[in-house]
Amino acid sequence: MDIVKIGVLLEALLVERKSIKEKMCKEHIINESDRNCVFNWISIPDNTPDKRKTKEQKN
């Protein structure tokens, strides 16, 4: 398991609010077995605010 790659992906998660489990599977960082693959994890919701709503709120 590459700790540096996990750290980079966790930082991206905090910045981009994307699903890190998909990125980790694509990078083959976590792939102990098909049964325990990250696809079985609970997904992390995208909490990025909608740009249209933020613009409307500013007006």
N, C-alpha and C. Protein backbone atom coordinates (compact mmCIF):
# COMPACT_ATOMS: atom_id res chain seq x y z
N MET A 1 0.85 -1.18 0.00
CA MET A 1 0.00 0.00 0.00
C MET A 1 0.90 1.24 0.00
N ASP A 2 0.66 2.15 -0.91
CA ASP A 2 1.48 3.35 -1.05
C ASP A 2 0.86 4.50 -0.27
N ILE A 3 1.46 4.85 0.86
CA ILE A 3 0.93 5.89 1.74
C ILE A 3 0.91 7.25 1.05
N VAL A 4 1.91 7.55 0.25
CA VAL A 4 1.96 8.84 -0.44
C VAL A 4 0.78 8.99 -1.38
N LYS A 5 0.48 7.95 -2.15
CA LYS A 5 -0.67 8.02 -3.08
C LYS A 5 -1.97 8.19 -2.31
N ILE A 6 -2.10 7.50 -1.19
CA ILE A 6 -3.32 7.62 -0.39
C ILE A 6 -3.45 9.05 0.14
N GLY A 7 -2.34 9.64 0.59
CA GLY A 7 -2.36 11.01 1.07
C GLY A 7 -2.77 11.99 -0.01
N VAL A 8 -2.25 11.80 -1.20
CA VAL A 8 -2.59 12.68 -2.33
C VAL A 8 -4.08 12.55 -2.66
N LEU A 9 -4.58 11.32 -2.65
CA LEU A 9 -5.99 11.12 -2.97
C LEU A 9 -6.90 11.66 -1.87
N LEU A 10 -6.49 11.54 -0.62
CA LEU A 10 -7.29 12.11 0.47
C LEU A 10 -7.33 13.63 0.37
N GLU A 11 -6.22 14.24 0.00
CA GLU A 11 -6.20 15.68 -0.19
C GLU A 11 -7.14 16.08 -1.33
N ALA A 12 -7.10 15.32 -2.41
CA ALA A 12 -8.00 15.60 -3.54
C ALA A 12 -9.45 15.46 -3.11
N LEU A 13 -9.72 14.50 -2.26
CA LEU A 13 -11.09 14.32 -1.76
C LEU A 13 -11.55 15.56 -1.02
N LEU A 14 -10.70 16.09 -0.17
CA LEU A 14 -11.08 17.27 0.60
C LEU A 14 -11.23 18.50 -0.28
N VAL A 15 -10.41 18.59 -1.32
CA VAL A 15 -10.45 19.76 -2.19
C VAL A 15 -11.57 19.64 -3.22
N GLU A 16 -11.66 18.50 -3.85
CA GLU A 16 -12.59 18.33 -4.97
C GLU A 16 -13.92 17.71 -4.58
N ARG A 17 -14.00 17.09 -3.41
CA ARG A 17 -15.21 16.40 -2.94
C ARG A 17 -15.67 15.34 -3.93
N LYS A 18 -14.72 14.59 -4.44
CA LYS A 18 -15.04 13.51 -5.38
C LYS A 18 -15.00 12.19 -4.64
N SER A 19 -15.44 11.15 -5.28
CA SER A 19 -15.44 9.83 -4.67
C SER A 19 -14.03 9.24 -4.73
N ILE A 20 -13.40 9.15 -3.58
CA ILE A 20 -12.03 8.66 -3.54
C ILE A 20 -11.95 7.16 -3.78
N LYS A 21 -13.02 6.44 -3.46
CA LYS A 21 -12.98 4.99 -3.65
C LYS A 21 -12.78 4.63 -5.12
N GLU A 22 -13.41 5.36 -6.02
CA GLU A 22 -13.25 5.10 -7.45
C GLU A 22 -11.81 5.37 -7.89
N LYS A 23 -11.25 6.48 -7.43
CA LYS A 23 -9.88 6.81 -7.79
C LYS A 23 -8.90 5.78 -7.24
N MET A 24 -9.13 5.32 -6.02
CA MET A 24 -8.22 4.35 -5.42
C MET A 24 -8.29 3.01 -6.15
N CYS A 25 -9.44 2.62 -6.60
CA CYS A 25 -9.56 1.37 -7.36
C CYS A 25 -8.86 1.52 -8.71
N LYS A 26 -9.04 2.67 -9.34
CA LYS A 26 -8.39 2.90 -10.64
C LYS A 26 -6.87 2.90 -10.49
N GLU A 27 -6.37 3.42 -9.38
CA GLU A 27 -4.93 3.46 -9.13
C GLU A 27 -4.42 2.12 -8.63
N HIS A 28 -5.30 1.19 -8.35
CA HIS A 28 -4.96 -0.14 -7.82
C HIS A 28 -4.21 -0.03 -6.50
N ILE A 29 -4.55 0.99 -5.70
CA ILE A 29 -3.93 1.14 -4.39
C ILE A 29 -4.54 0.13 -3.43
N ILE A 30 -5.85 0.01 -3.49
CA ILE A 30 -6.53 -0.93 -2.60
C ILE A 30 -7.18 -1.98 -3.47
N ASN A 31 -6.68 -3.16 -3.43
CA ASN A 31 -7.24 -4.25 -4.23
C ASN A 31 -6.86 -5.58 -3.60
N GLU A 32 -7.17 -5.74 -2.32
CA GLU A 32 -6.77 -6.95 -1.61
C GLU A 32 -7.42 -8.18 -2.24
N SER A 33 -8.69 -8.08 -2.53
CA SER A 33 -9.40 -9.14 -3.23
C SER A 33 -10.64 -8.53 -3.86
N ASP A 34 -11.25 -9.24 -4.78
CA ASP A 34 -12.45 -8.71 -5.43
C ASP A 34 -13.55 -8.45 -4.41
N ARG A 35 -13.63 -9.32 -3.41
CA ARG A 35 -14.69 -9.20 -2.41
C ARG A 35 -14.50 -7.96 -1.55
N ASN A 36 -13.26 -7.63 -1.23
CA ASN A 36 -12.98 -6.50 -0.36
C ASN A 36 -12.60 -5.24 -1.12
N CYS A 37 -12.85 -5.24 -2.40
CA CYS A 37 -12.49 -4.08 -3.21
C CYS A 37 -13.29 -2.86 -2.75
N VAL A 38 -12.79 -1.71 -3.06
CA VAL A 38 -13.38 -0.47 -2.60
C VAL A 38 -14.79 -0.26 -3.16
N PHE A 39 -15.14 -0.95 -4.21
CA PHE A 39 -16.48 -0.80 -4.78
C PHE A 39 -17.56 -1.14 -3.75
N ASN A 40 -17.22 -1.93 -2.74
CA ASN A 40 -18.19 -2.31 -1.72
C ASN A 40 -18.32 -1.28 -0.61
N TRP A 41 -17.50 -0.26 -0.62
CA TRP A 41 -17.53 0.75 0.43
C TRP A 41 -18.73 1.66 0.27
N ILE A 42 -19.07 2.36 1.34
CA ILE A 42 -20.13 3.36 1.29
C ILE A 42 -19.59 4.56 0.52
N SER A 43 -20.37 5.07 -0.41
CA SER A 43 -19.89 6.18 -1.23
C SER A 43 -19.86 7.48 -0.43
N ILE A 44 -18.95 8.34 -0.81
CA ILE A 44 -18.82 9.64 -0.18
C ILE A 44 -19.57 10.64 -1.05
N PRO A 45 -20.55 11.36 -0.49
CA PRO A 45 -21.36 12.26 -1.31
C PRO A 45 -20.55 13.45 -1.82
N ASP A 46 -20.98 13.96 -2.96
CA ASP A 46 -20.37 15.15 -3.53
C ASP A 46 -21.03 16.36 -2.87
N ASN A 47 -20.28 17.06 -2.03
CA ASN A 47 -20.82 18.21 -1.30
C ASN A 47 -20.45 19.54 -1.94
N THR A 48 -20.00 19.49 -3.18
CA THR A 48 -19.62 20.72 -3.86
C THR A 48 -20.87 21.57 -4.09
N PRO A 49 -20.84 22.84 -3.68
CA PRO A 49 -22.03 23.68 -3.88
C PRO A 49 -22.29 23.94 -5.35
N ASP A 50 -23.56 24.02 -5.69
CA ASP A 50 -23.96 24.29 -7.06
C ASP A 50 -23.60 25.74 -7.40
N LYS A 51 -22.86 25.95 -8.48
CA LYS A 51 -22.40 27.29 -8.84
C LYS A 51 -23.57 28.24 -9.12
N ARG A 52 -24.65 27.72 -9.70
CA ARG A 52 -25.80 28.57 -9.99
C ARG A 52 -26.43 29.07 -8.70
N LYS A 53 -26.55 28.20 -7.71
CA LYS A 53 -27.17 28.60 -6.44
C LYS A 53 -26.32 29.64 -5.72
N THR A 54 -24.99 29.47 -5.76
CA THR A 54 -24.13 30.44 -5.08
C THR A 54 -24.21 31.80 -5.75
N LYS A 55 -24.29 31.84 -7.07
CA LYS A 55 -24.41 33.11 -7.78
C LYS A 55 -25.74 33.79 -7.44
N GLU A 56 -26.82 33.00 -7.36
CA GLU A 56 -28.13 33.56 -7.04
C GLU A 56 -28.14 34.11 -5.62
N GLN A 57 -27.47 33.43 -4.70
CA GLN A 57 -27.44 33.88 -3.31
C GLN A 57 -26.66 35.18 -3.17
N LYS A 58 -25.63 35.38 -3.99
CA LYS A 58 -24.84 36.60 -3.92
C LYS A 58 -25.62 37.80 -4.43
N ASN A 59 -26.56 37.57 -5.36
CA ASN A 59 -27.34 38.68 -5.94
C ASN A 59 -28.40 39.07 -5.01
